[in-house]
Amino acid sequence: MESLTFIIGGARSGKSRHAEELLTALPRPWTYIATAEAYDDEMRERIAMHRSRRGEGWLTVDAPFDLVGAIEALPAERSVLIDCLTLWLTNHMLANHDLEAECLRLTEVLAHPRGPWFVVSNEVGQGIVPDNALARRFRDEAGRLNQKIAAVADTVLLMVAGLPLKVK
C-alpha cells in the first residue's frame, strides 16, 4: 500500500500521537524519521518523551538535515513516520541553506511514496503576525512547504484538540 498521509495541526494538537496510532495499526517494521535536534534541556526532554511513548519495535533514523537521503535509503514497502517538517525547515533556515531547493527535493521524494508514509507538520499560520522578520519568514516558508506537501499527499488530516479532521 503506497500512500502519503499528511498530518498537520497546531502545537499539542495530537499530531504525533495520531500519526503513531495510524502507523502502529500497520504491520511492522515501523520507521520513525526524526528531524529534531536537541539544542537544550527542554528539547532533550521532548525527544525523550516521544521515544518513550513509541516504545519498542521502532527503528529511529535521525535526519535533521538530509531528510531526502534518509527517505531514499529506506527499503520499499516500509511503513514510515516523518516527524516533523517544521523542525526540519528550522534546521535548514538556521543553517542558511537554500530553502527553495531543499523543499523542492523533499516534495519530489514525498510525491512518490514506496509504502505507507505519514508526515507530520505544524500549522503556524493561524495565529498572530509575528513581531520579527525571522519569525515571519519561518511562518511564510512553513506555509509554502505545507501547501506543497498537502498537494502531493493522498490524505490530509488536520488535528484539532486531539481530533483528526479529514481535509483531503
C-alpha atoms as a PDB file:
ATOM      1  CA  MET A   1       0.000   0.000   0.000  1.00  0.00           C
ATOM      2  CA  GLU A   2       1.757   3.113  -1.226  1.00  0.00           C
ATOM      3  CA  SER A   3       0.281   6.312   0.138  1.00  0.00           C
ATOM      4  CA  LEU A   4       1.216   9.611   1.715  1.00  0.00           C
ATOM      5  CA  THR A   5      -0.770  10.882   4.693  1.00  0.00           C
ATOM      6  CA  PHE A   6      -0.028  14.450   5.760  1.00  0.00           C
ATOM      7  CA  ILE A   7      -0.957  15.291   9.351  1.00  0.00           C
ATOM      8  CA  ILE A   8      -0.957  18.971  10.232  1.00  0.00           C
ATOM      9  CA  GLY A   9      -2.068  20.947  13.273  1.00  0.00           C
ATOM     10  CA  GLY A  10      -1.063  23.351  15.974  1.00  0.00           C
ATOM     11  CA  ALA A  11       1.198  22.758  18.942  1.00  0.00           C
ATOM     12  CA  ARG A  12      -0.068  20.000  21.227  1.00  0.00           C
ATOM     13  CA  SER A  13      -2.927  19.169  18.865  1.00  0.00           C
ATOM     14  CA  GLY A  14      -2.136  15.434  18.932  1.00  0.00           C
ATOM     15  CA  LYS A  15      -0.379  15.235  15.543  1.00  0.00           C
ATOM     16  CA  SER A  16       2.449  12.913  16.529  1.00  0.00           C
ATOM     17  CA  ARG A  17       0.338  10.671  18.733  1.00  0.00           C
ATOM     18  CA  HIS A  18      -2.270  10.230  15.996  1.00  0.00           C
ATOM     19  CA  ALA A  19       0.402   9.518  13.385  1.00  0.00           C
ATOM     20  CA  GLU A  20       1.912   6.886  15.681  1.00  0.00           C
ATOM     21  CA  GLU A  21      -1.502   5.268  16.167  1.00  0.00           C
ATOM     22  CA  LEU A  22      -2.098   5.128  12.416  1.00  0.00           C
ATOM     23  CA  LEU A  23       1.318   3.645  11.769  1.00  0.00           C
ATOM     24  CA  THR A  24       1.172   1.030  14.535  1.00  0.00           C
ATOM     25  CA  ALA A  25      -2.116  -0.234  13.108  1.00  0.00           C
ATOM     26  CA  LEU A  26       0.016  -1.479  10.208  1.00  0.00           C
ATOM     27  CA  PRO A  27       2.368  -4.470  10.299  1.00  0.00           C
ATOM     28  CA  ARG A  28       5.937  -3.969  11.489  1.00  0.00           C
ATOM     29  CA  PRO A  29       8.609  -2.870  10.861  1.00  0.00           C
ATOM     30  CA  TRP A  30       7.920   0.786  11.697  1.00  0.00           C
ATOM     31  CA  THR A  31      10.430   3.515  10.970  1.00  0.00           C
ATOM     32  CA  TYR A  32      10.425   6.891  12.671  1.00  0.00           C
ATOM     33  CA  ILE A  33      12.448   9.587  10.917  1.00  0.00           C
ATOM     34  CA  ALA A  34      13.177  12.299  13.464  1.00  0.00           C
ATOM     35  CA  THR A  35      14.145  15.799  12.379  1.00  0.00           C
ATOM     36  CA  ALA A  36      14.656  17.362  15.824  1.00  0.00           C
ATOM     37  CA  GLU A  37      17.997  18.372  17.227  1.00  0.00           C
ATOM     38  CA  ALA A  38      18.493  18.588  20.987  1.00  0.00           C
ATOM     39  CA  TYR A  39      19.989  22.040  21.436  1.00  0.00           C
ATOM     40  CA  ASP A  40      18.821  22.449  25.037  1.00  0.00           C
ATOM     41  CA  ASP A  41      17.432  20.523  28.013  1.00  0.00           C
ATOM     42  CA  GLU A  42      13.812  21.231  27.134  1.00  0.00           C
ATOM     43  CA  MET A  43      14.236  19.783  23.640  1.00  0.00           C
ATOM     44  CA  ARG A  44      16.107  16.772  25.030  1.00  0.00           C
ATOM     45  CA  GLU A  45      13.108  16.121  27.308  1.00  0.00           C
ATOM     46  CA  ARG A  46      10.662  16.381  24.394  1.00  0.00           C
ATOM     47  CA  ILE A  47      12.708  13.928  22.332  1.00  0.00           C
ATOM     48  CA  ALA A  48      12.923  11.510  25.265  1.00  0.00           C
ATOM     49  CA  MET A  49       9.149  11.729  25.797  1.00  0.00           C
ATOM     50  CA  HIS A  50       8.479  10.903  22.148  1.00  0.00           C
ATOM     51  CA  ARG A  51      10.908   7.968  22.220  1.00  0.00           C
ATOM     52  CA  SER A  52       9.461   6.506  25.413  1.00  0.00           C
ATOM     53  CA  ARG A  53       5.891   6.863  24.124  1.00  0.00           C
ATOM     54  CA  ARG A  54       6.767   4.896  20.987  1.00  0.00           C
ATOM     55  CA  GLY A  55       8.254   2.037  22.944  1.00  0.00           C
ATOM     56  CA  GLU A  56       9.902  -0.949  21.318  1.00  0.00           C
ATOM     57  CA  GLY A  57       9.512  -2.094  17.750  1.00  0.00           C
ATOM     58  CA  TRP A  58      10.520   1.180  16.134  1.00  0.00           C
ATOM     59  CA  LEU A  59      13.622   1.905  14.105  1.00  0.00           C
ATOM     60  CA  THR A  60      14.557   5.554  14.642  1.00  0.00           C
ATOM     61  CA  VAL A  61      16.528   7.419  11.986  1.00  0.00           C
ATOM     62  CA  ASP A  62      17.803  10.900  12.847  1.00  0.00           C
ATOM     63  CA  ALA A  63      17.662  13.215   9.844  1.00  0.00           C
ATOM     64  CA  PRO A  64      17.791  16.854  10.946  1.00  0.00           C
ATOM     65  CA  PHE A  65      19.092  17.920   7.513  1.00  0.00           C
ATOM     66  CA  ASP A  66      19.232  15.065   4.986  1.00  0.00           C
ATOM     67  CA  LEU A  67      15.613  14.002   5.191  1.00  0.00           C
ATOM     68  CA  VAL A  68      15.534  13.149   1.491  1.00  0.00           C
ATOM     69  CA  GLY A  69      18.559  10.876   1.862  1.00  0.00           C
ATOM     70  CA  ALA A  70      17.011   9.139   4.869  1.00  0.00           C
ATOM     71  CA  ILE A  71      13.771   8.532   2.975  1.00  0.00           C
ATOM     72  CA  GLU A  72      15.544   7.290  -0.148  1.00  0.00           C
ATOM     73  CA  ALA A  73      17.646   4.860   1.932  1.00  0.00           C
ATOM     74  CA  LEU A  74      14.551   3.056   3.234  1.00  0.00           C
ATOM     75  CA  PRO A  75      13.543  -0.282   1.761  1.00  0.00           C
ATOM     76  CA  ALA A  76      10.380  -0.343  -0.363  1.00  0.00           C
ATOM     77  CA  GLU A  77       7.082  -1.030   1.384  1.00  0.00           C
ATOM     78  CA  ARG A  78       8.438   0.310   4.700  1.00  0.00           C
ATOM     79  CA  SER A  79       5.899   1.998   6.991  1.00  0.00           C
ATOM     80  CA  VAL A  80       7.358   5.402   7.863  1.00  0.00           C
ATOM     81  CA  LEU A  81       6.542   8.314  10.144  1.00  0.00           C
ATOM     82  CA  ILE A  82       8.396  11.574   9.488  1.00  0.00           C
ATOM     83  CA  ASP A  83       8.167  13.975  12.432  1.00  0.00           C
ATOM     84  CA  CYS A  84       8.289  16.851  11.756  1.00  0.00           C
ATOM     85  CA  LEU A  85       8.678  19.094   8.723  1.00  0.00           C
ATOM     86  CA  THR A  86       8.730  22.380  10.622  1.00  0.00           C
ATOM     87  CA  LEU A  87      11.720  21.292  12.726  1.00  0.00           C
ATOM     88  CA  TRP A  88      13.475  20.178   9.539  1.00  0.00           C
ATOM     89  CA  LEU A  89      12.678  23.554   7.953  1.00  0.00           C
ATOM     90  CA  THR A  90      14.008  25.368  11.041  1.00  0.00           C
ATOM     91  CA  ASN A  91      17.276  23.434  10.840  1.00  0.00           C
ATOM     92  CA  HIS A  92      17.763  24.495   7.221  1.00  0.00           C
ATOM     93  CA  MET A  93      16.764  28.103   7.891  1.00  0.00           C
ATOM     94  CA  LEU A  94      19.236  28.449  10.761  1.00  0.00           C
ATOM     95  CA  ALA A  95      21.978  26.929   8.596  1.00  0.00           C
ATOM     96  CA  ASN A  96      21.189  29.397   5.777  1.00  0.00           C
ATOM     97  CA  HIS A  97      20.555  26.612   3.276  1.00  0.00           C
ATOM     98  CA  ASP A  98      18.685  27.102   0.008  1.00  0.00           C
ATOM     99  CA  LEU A  99      15.134  26.513   1.272  1.00  0.00           C
ATOM    100  CA  GLU A 100      13.526  26.519  -2.141  1.00  0.00           C
ATOM    101  CA  ALA A 101      15.865  23.772  -3.375  1.00  0.00           C
ATOM    102  CA  GLU A 102      15.549  21.692  -0.181  1.00  0.00           C
ATOM    103  CA  CYS A 103      11.746  21.934  -0.156  1.00  0.00           C
ATOM    104  CA  LEU A 104      11.565  21.012  -3.844  1.00  0.00           C
ATOM    105  CA  ARG A 105      13.754  17.923  -3.270  1.00  0.00           C
ATOM    106  CA  LEU A 106      11.582  16.873  -0.343  1.00  0.00           C
ATOM    107  CA  THR A 107       8.319  17.423  -2.205  1.00  0.00           C
ATOM    108  CA  GLU A 108       9.567  15.369  -5.140  1.00  0.00           C
ATOM    109  CA  VAL A 109      10.502  12.368  -2.994  1.00  0.00           C
ATOM    110  CA  LEU A 110       7.282  12.527  -0.940  1.00  0.00           C
ATOM    111  CA  ALA A 111       5.212  12.642  -4.131  1.00  0.00           C
ATOM    112  CA  HIS A 112       6.255   9.025  -4.813  1.00  0.00           C
ATOM    113  CA  PRO A 113       5.797   7.018  -1.601  1.00  0.00           C
ATOM    114  CA  ARG A 114       7.126   3.469  -1.650  1.00  0.00           C
ATOM    115  CA  GLY A 115       4.951   2.367   1.250  1.00  0.00           C
ATOM    116  CA  PRO A 116       2.559   3.863   3.764  1.00  0.00           C
ATOM    117  CA  TRP A 117       4.192   7.149   4.726  1.00  0.00           C
ATOM    118  CA  PHE A 118       2.930   9.561   7.372  1.00  0.00           C
ATOM    119  CA  VAL A 119       4.307  13.095   7.553  1.00  0.00           C
ATOM    120  CA  VAL A 120       3.730  15.480  10.474  1.00  0.00           C
ATOM    121  CA  SER A 121       3.962  19.257  10.284  1.00  0.00           C
ATOM    122  CA  ASN A 122       2.860  22.266  12.305  1.00  0.00           C
ATOM    123  CA  GLU A 123       0.215  24.702  11.141  1.00  0.00           C
ATOM    124  CA  VAL A 124       1.789  28.027  12.075  1.00  0.00           C
ATOM    125  CA  GLY A 125      -0.249  30.486  10.040  1.00  0.00           C
ATOM    126  CA  GLN A 126      -3.403  30.739  12.137  1.00  0.00           C
ATOM    127  CA  GLY A 127      -2.013  32.896  14.929  1.00  0.00           C
ATOM    128  CA  ILE A 128      -0.957  36.493  15.167  1.00  0.00           C
ATOM    129  CA  VAL A 129       1.545  38.013  12.765  1.00  0.00           C
ATOM    130  CA  PRO A 130       4.998  37.523  14.343  1.00  0.00           C
ATOM    131  CA  ASP A 131       6.794  40.649  15.526  1.00  0.00           C
ATOM    132  CA  ASN A 132      10.146  39.931  13.848  1.00  0.00           C
ATOM    133  CA  ALA A 133      11.417  39.217  10.370  1.00  0.00           C
ATOM    134  CA  LEU A 134      12.872  35.758  11.116  1.00  0.00           C
ATOM    135  CA  ALA A 135       9.623  34.508  12.646  1.00  0.00           C
ATOM    136  CA  ARG A 136       7.585  35.954   9.763  1.00  0.00           C
ATOM    137  CA  ARG A 137       9.901  34.300   7.257  1.00  0.00           C
ATOM    138  CA  PHE A 138       9.571  30.978   9.081  1.00  0.00           C
ATOM    139  CA  ARG A 139       5.771  31.256   9.107  1.00  0.00           C
ATOM    140  CA  ASP A 140       5.748  32.004   5.380  1.00  0.00           C
ATOM    141  CA  GLU A 141       8.213  29.243   4.455  1.00  0.00           C
ATOM    142  CA  ALA A 142       6.330  26.702   6.594  1.00  0.00           C
ATOM    143  CA  GLY A 143       3.068  27.690   4.949  1.00  0.00           C
ATOM    144  CA  ARG A 144       4.532  27.270   1.472  1.00  0.00           C
ATOM    145  CA  LEU A 145       6.068  23.888   2.351  1.00  0.00           C
ATOM    146  CA  ASN A 146       2.829  22.655   3.925  1.00  0.00           C
ATOM    147  CA  GLN A 147       0.904  23.609   0.790  1.00  0.00           C
ATOM    148  CA  LYS A 148       3.347  21.690  -1.409  1.00  0.00           C
ATOM    149  CA  ILE A 149       3.177  18.557   0.714  1.00  0.00           C
ATOM    150  CA  ALA A 150      -0.622  18.728   1.012  1.00  0.00           C
ATOM    151  CA  ALA A 151      -0.842  18.964  -2.780  1.00  0.00           C
ATOM    152  CA  VAL A 152       1.046  15.679  -3.294  1.00  0.00           C
ATOM    153  CA  ALA A 153      -0.497  13.841  -0.317  1.00  0.00           C
ATOM    154  CA  ASP A 154      -3.198  11.230  -0.793  1.00  0.00           C
ATOM    155  CA  THR A 155      -4.759  12.153   2.564  1.00  0.00           C
ATOM    156  CA  VAL A 156      -4.519  15.328   4.634  1.00  0.00           C
ATOM    157  CA  LEU A 157      -5.628  15.333   8.272  1.00  0.00           C
ATOM    158  CA  LEU A 158      -5.968  18.479  10.364  1.00  0.00           C
ATOM    159  CA  MET A 159      -5.595  17.802  14.081  1.00  0.00           C
ATOM    160  CA  VAL A 160      -7.707  19.933  16.420  1.00  0.00           C
ATOM    161  CA  ALA A 161      -7.744  19.250  20.163  1.00  0.00           C
ATOM    162  CA  GLY A 162      -6.679  15.645  19.597  1.00  0.00           C
ATOM    163  CA  LEU A 163      -9.282  15.032  16.920  1.00  0.00           C
ATOM    164  CA  PRO A 164      -8.417  14.299  13.281  1.00  0.00           C
ATOM    165  CA  LEU A 165     -10.438  16.173  10.683  1.00  0.00           C
ATOM    166  CA  LYS A 166     -10.108  14.845   7.148  1.00  0.00           C
ATOM    167  CA  VAL A 167      -9.304  17.711   4.779  1.00  0.00           C
ATOM    168  CA  LYS A 168      -8.349  15.657   1.713  1.00  0.00           C
END
